[in-house]
Protein backbone atom coordinates (compact mmCIF):
# COMPACT_ATOMS: atom_id res chain seq x y z
CA UNK A 1 17.37 14.20 -71.94
CA UNK A 2 17.68 16.75 -74.76
CA UNK A 3 18.93 20.27 -75.50
CA UNK A 4 18.52 20.07 -79.32
CA UNK A 5 22.00 21.42 -79.97
CA UNK A 6 22.97 18.25 -81.88
CA UNK A 7 19.69 17.94 -83.80
CA UNK A 8 18.43 19.79 -86.87
CA UNK A 9 15.34 19.71 -89.02
CA UNK A 10 12.67 17.20 -88.09
CA UNK A 11 13.47 15.06 -85.03
CA UNK A 12 11.29 12.24 -86.37
CA UNK A 13 12.90 8.85 -85.81
CA UNK A 14 16.05 10.33 -84.28
CA UNK A 15 17.63 9.29 -81.01
CA UNK A 16 17.51 11.74 -78.12
CA UNK A 17 20.99 13.08 -77.47
CA UNK A 18 21.02 13.02 -73.66
CA UNK A 19 22.09 10.29 -71.26
CA UNK A 20 18.57 8.89 -70.76
CA UNK A 21 18.33 7.36 -74.23
CA UNK A 22 14.97 7.42 -75.95
CA UNK A 23 13.73 8.17 -79.45
CA UNK A 24 11.72 10.99 -81.03
CA UNK A 25 8.53 10.58 -83.04
CA UNK A 26 6.30 13.21 -84.63
CA UNK A 27 2.67 13.38 -85.68
CA UNK A 28 2.89 13.76 -89.42
CA UNK A 29 6.13 11.73 -89.83
CA UNK A 30 8.62 14.43 -90.71
CA UNK A 31 6.08 17.18 -91.36
CA UNK A 32 7.37 20.73 -91.42
CA UNK A 33 5.06 21.51 -88.50
CA UNK A 34 7.61 20.04 -86.08
CA UNK A 35 11.30 20.94 -86.26
CA UNK A 36 14.43 22.21 -84.56
CA UNK A 37 15.10 25.94 -85.09
CA UNK A 38 17.34 28.65 -83.62
CA UNK A 39 15.51 30.87 -81.17
CA UNK A 40 16.84 33.27 -78.51
CA UNK A 41 20.46 32.11 -78.96
CA UNK A 42 19.59 28.43 -78.57
CA UNK A 43 18.49 25.44 -80.63
CA UNK A 44 14.86 24.73 -79.66
CA UNK A 45 12.09 22.40 -80.77
CA UNK A 46 9.08 24.14 -82.35
CA UNK A 47 5.73 22.54 -83.15
CA UNK A 48 2.44 24.01 -84.35
CA UNK A 49 -0.94 22.87 -85.63
CA UNK A 50 -1.64 22.02 -89.26
CA UNK A 51 -3.32 24.69 -91.41
CA UNK A 52 -6.20 22.29 -92.00
CA UNK A 53 -6.90 22.11 -88.28
CA UNK A 54 -5.48 18.67 -87.54
CA UNK A 55 -3.33 17.99 -84.50
CA UNK A 56 0.45 18.04 -84.63
CA UNK A 57 3.01 17.21 -82.00
CA UNK A 58 6.10 15.35 -80.92
CA UNK A 59 7.05 12.83 -78.25
CA UNK A 60 10.16 11.14 -76.91
CA UNK A 61 9.90 7.77 -75.19
CA UNK A 62 11.63 4.49 -74.54
CA UNK A 63 13.87 6.17 -71.95
CA UNK A 64 16.43 3.94 -70.26
CA UNK A 65 15.34 5.05 -66.76
CA UNK A 66 11.52 5.03 -66.73
CA UNK A 67 9.44 5.98 -63.70
CA UNK A 68 8.13 2.56 -62.73
CA UNK A 69 4.77 1.95 -61.11
CA UNK A 70 6.19 2.06 -57.57
CA UNK A 71 8.45 5.09 -58.14
CA UNK A 72 8.47 8.87 -58.40
CA UNK A 73 10.41 10.98 -60.89
CA UNK A 74 10.71 14.39 -62.51
CA UNK A 75 10.39 16.03 -65.92
CA UNK A 76 11.82 19.54 -66.33
CA UNK A 77 11.77 21.68 -69.48
CA UNK A 78 11.49 25.21 -70.84
CA UNK A 79 8.38 26.43 -72.63
CA UNK A 80 7.46 29.48 -74.69
CA UNK A 81 4.18 29.98 -76.55
CA UNK A 82 4.00 32.43 -79.43
CA UNK A 83 1.86 35.52 -79.15
CA UNK A 84 -0.77 35.34 -81.86
CA UNK A 85 -4.46 35.98 -82.41
CA UNK A 86 -5.30 32.31 -83.02
CA UNK A 87 -6.13 30.55 -79.74
CA UNK A 88 -3.75 27.83 -78.58
CA UNK A 89 -4.85 24.39 -77.50
CA UNK A 90 -1.75 22.60 -76.26
CA UNK A 91 -1.28 19.53 -74.04
CA UNK A 92 2.11 18.81 -72.53
CA UNK A 93 3.64 16.40 -70.02
CA UNK A 94 4.71 12.89 -69.06
CA UNK A 95 3.29 9.91 -70.95
CA UNK A 96 3.13 6.15 -70.45
CA UNK A 97 3.20 5.49 -74.22
CA UNK A 98 6.32 3.73 -75.41
CA UNK A 99 7.70 4.01 -78.95
CA UNK A 100 9.59 0.76 -78.50
CA UNK A 101 6.23 -0.94 -78.91
CA UNK A 102 4.89 1.39 -81.61
CA UNK A 103 7.43 3.37 -83.67
CA UNK A 104 4.65 5.50 -85.20
CA UNK A 105 2.75 6.13 -82.00
CA UNK A 106 2.07 9.79 -82.73
CA UNK A 107 0.25 8.85 -85.92
CA UNK A 108 -1.63 6.09 -84.13
CA UNK A 109 -3.94 8.31 -82.12
CA UNK A 110 -1.51 9.56 -79.47
CA UNK A 111 -2.55 13.22 -79.73
CA UNK A 112 -5.22 13.04 -77.05
CA UNK A 113 -5.01 14.67 -73.65
CA UNK A 114 -5.64 11.39 -71.79
CA UNK A 115 -2.20 10.25 -72.95
CA UNK A 116 -0.65 13.10 -70.96
CA UNK A 117 -0.64 11.12 -67.72
CA UNK A 118 0.98 13.86 -65.62
CA UNK A 119 0.91 17.30 -67.20
CA UNK A 120 -1.30 20.19 -68.23
CA UNK A 121 -3.20 21.93 -70.98
CA UNK A 122 -2.69 25.51 -72.18
CA UNK A 123 -5.87 27.22 -73.38
CA UNK A 124 -6.88 30.79 -74.17
CA UNK A 125 -7.73 32.67 -70.99
CA UNK A 126 -11.30 33.93 -70.88
CA UNK A 127 -10.43 37.30 -69.41
CA UNK A 128 -9.69 39.50 -72.40
CA UNK A 129 -6.00 40.14 -71.64
CA UNK A 130 -4.47 37.77 -74.23
CA UNK A 131 -3.18 35.47 -71.49
CA UNK A 132 -3.26 31.69 -71.54
CA UNK A 133 -4.61 29.45 -68.79
CA UNK A 134 -2.63 26.48 -67.51
CA UNK A 135 -5.28 23.84 -66.78
CA UNK A 136 -5.50 20.25 -65.58
CA UNK A 137 -6.06 17.59 -68.24
CA UNK A 138 -9.02 15.97 -66.50
CA UNK A 139 -12.68 16.74 -67.22
CA UNK A 140 -12.76 19.59 -64.70
CA UNK A 141 -10.02 21.58 -66.50
CA UNK A 142 -9.19 23.42 -63.29
CA UNK A 143 -7.24 26.63 -63.93
CA UNK A 144 -3.91 26.47 -62.10
CA UNK A 145 -2.12 29.60 -63.37
CA UNK A 146 -1.88 32.02 -66.27
CA UNK A 147 1.07 32.45 -68.60
CA UNK A 148 1.90 35.19 -71.07
CA UNK A 149 2.63 34.49 -74.76
CA UNK A 150 6.14 35.33 -75.90
CA UNK A 151 7.75 34.68 -72.51
CA UNK A 152 9.89 31.72 -71.46
CA UNK A 153 8.96 29.53 -68.49
CA UNK A 154 10.61 26.73 -66.53
CA UNK A 155 8.23 23.82 -65.93
CA UNK A 156 8.70 21.01 -63.41
CA UNK A 157 6.41 17.96 -63.25
CA UNK A 158 7.10 15.67 -60.28
CA UNK A 159 5.16 12.45 -60.82
CA UNK A 160 4.34 9.90 -58.11
CA UNK A 161 3.55 6.84 -60.22
CA UNK A 162 2.86 4.72 -57.12
CA UNK A 163 -0.16 6.90 -56.20
CA UNK A 164 -1.12 8.32 -59.63
CA UNK A 165 -0.55 11.91 -58.49
CA UNK A 166 1.81 14.73 -59.44
CA UNK A 167 2.94 18.22 -58.46
CA UNK A 168 3.33 21.01 -61.02
CA UNK A 169 5.70 23.97 -60.75
CA UNK A 170 6.05 26.98 -63.04
CA UNK A 171 8.39 29.98 -63.04
CA UNK A 172 9.25 32.67 -65.57
CA UNK A 173 12.80 32.68 -66.94
CA UNK A 174 14.88 34.90 -69.23
CA UNK A 175 15.26 32.27 -71.93
CA UNK A 176 16.75 28.93 -72.94
CA UNK A 177 20.35 30.16 -73.09
CA UNK A 178 20.44 30.83 -69.32
CA UNK A 179 21.28 28.47 -66.42
CA UNK A 180 18.40 26.23 -65.41
CA UNK A 181 17.68 25.42 -61.75
CA UNK A 182 17.59 21.73 -60.93
CA UNK A 183 14.75 21.90 -58.42
CA UNK A 184 11.85 24.34 -58.08
CA UNK A 185 11.21 26.59 -55.11
CA UNK A 186 8.05 26.44 -53.00
CA UNK A 187 6.74 29.69 -54.50
CA UNK A 188 6.71 28.09 -57.97
CA UNK A 189 4.14 25.44 -56.98
CA UNK A 190 0.87 25.83 -58.92
CA UNK A 191 -0.65 22.39 -58.36
CA UNK A 192 -0.04 19.84 -55.59
CA UNK A 193 -1.29 16.27 -55.39
CA UNK A 194 -3.03 16.52 -58.77
CA UNK A 195 -4.62 13.33 -60.07
CA UNK A 196 -3.11 11.70 -63.15
CA UNK A 197 -5.09 12.35 -66.32
CA UNK A 198 -5.66 8.59 -66.40
CA UNK A 199 -4.80 5.86 -63.93
CA UNK A 200 -2.02 3.62 -65.18
CA UNK A 201 -0.03 0.62 -64.02
CA UNK A 202 2.57 1.12 -66.74
CA UNK A 203 5.93 2.80 -66.40
CA UNK A 204 6.17 6.47 -67.35
CA UNK A 205 8.83 6.46 -70.05
CA UNK A 206 8.59 9.70 -72.01
CA UNK A 207 7.28 13.18 -72.65
CA UNK A 208 4.85 14.52 -75.25
CA UNK A 209 4.01 17.97 -76.57
CA UNK A 210 1.11 18.54 -79.00
CA UNK A 211 -1.80 20.64 -80.20
CA UNK A 212 -5.23 19.07 -80.34
CA UNK A 213 -7.19 19.10 -83.59
CA UNK A 214 -9.04 22.41 -84.00
CA UNK A 215 -11.04 24.25 -86.65
CA UNK A 216 -7.92 26.12 -87.75
CA UNK A 217 -4.18 26.25 -87.23
CA UNK A 218 -2.92 26.36 -83.65
CA UNK A 219 0.05 28.63 -83.13
CA UNK A 220 3.45 27.36 -82.15
CA UNK A 221 5.16 26.35 -78.94
CA UNK A 222 8.93 26.24 -78.39
CA UNK A 223 10.49 23.62 -76.09
CA UNK A 224 14.08 23.40 -74.86
CA UNK A 225 16.36 21.98 -72.15
CA UNK A 226 14.46 18.81 -71.30
CA UNK A 227 15.63 16.99 -68.17
CA UNK A 228 14.42 13.62 -66.88
CA UNK A 229 15.14 12.16 -63.46
CA UNK A 230 14.02 8.77 -62.17
CA UNK A 231 15.37 6.26 -59.62
């Protein structure tokens, strides 16, 4: 879907450069809080919360091969969260929002975890070791795994839109400039048969990455090498 090598600056309103089509939108409409930068020998997408505490994020949707309501499909990407003293509050995953119907969807209230239909939250771990908990986006916020700030991870989300369930895989990787595996291994599974954050009869046609509104700035996340696979 996107490797960001052909994009620069804000992705707002720009077409995704992969073969799946789609279009980017940001919360803040071109704000400096979302942009393409060079990191670890690769062009990556960085986003972070506003200094006033409001949410910021980015989404791509309107893909030419959506995961329809009777289908299953996959989202794969790389993720790195910055190490910083301010606690993160990120939500990431597959969405059923479609920019073809609302070109300013991110400014229209999209930055809410219920719009991450199949995905996860990343919150500060309550264990004193500066880790971050990967949690479900439902009301239970079940802890699935812990990740370490400053390290790169491969993330796979395999969504079964027919049954409103998904599997989540996570593995550490050296960085975005290294080969990416197409499918996860069994040992990378951290959540199986997880319920969608909300039930939906719509097609899943994009991905979103954002920080929720907080009482202060939320530190940044870097995203790269986004792959999308659907029937």
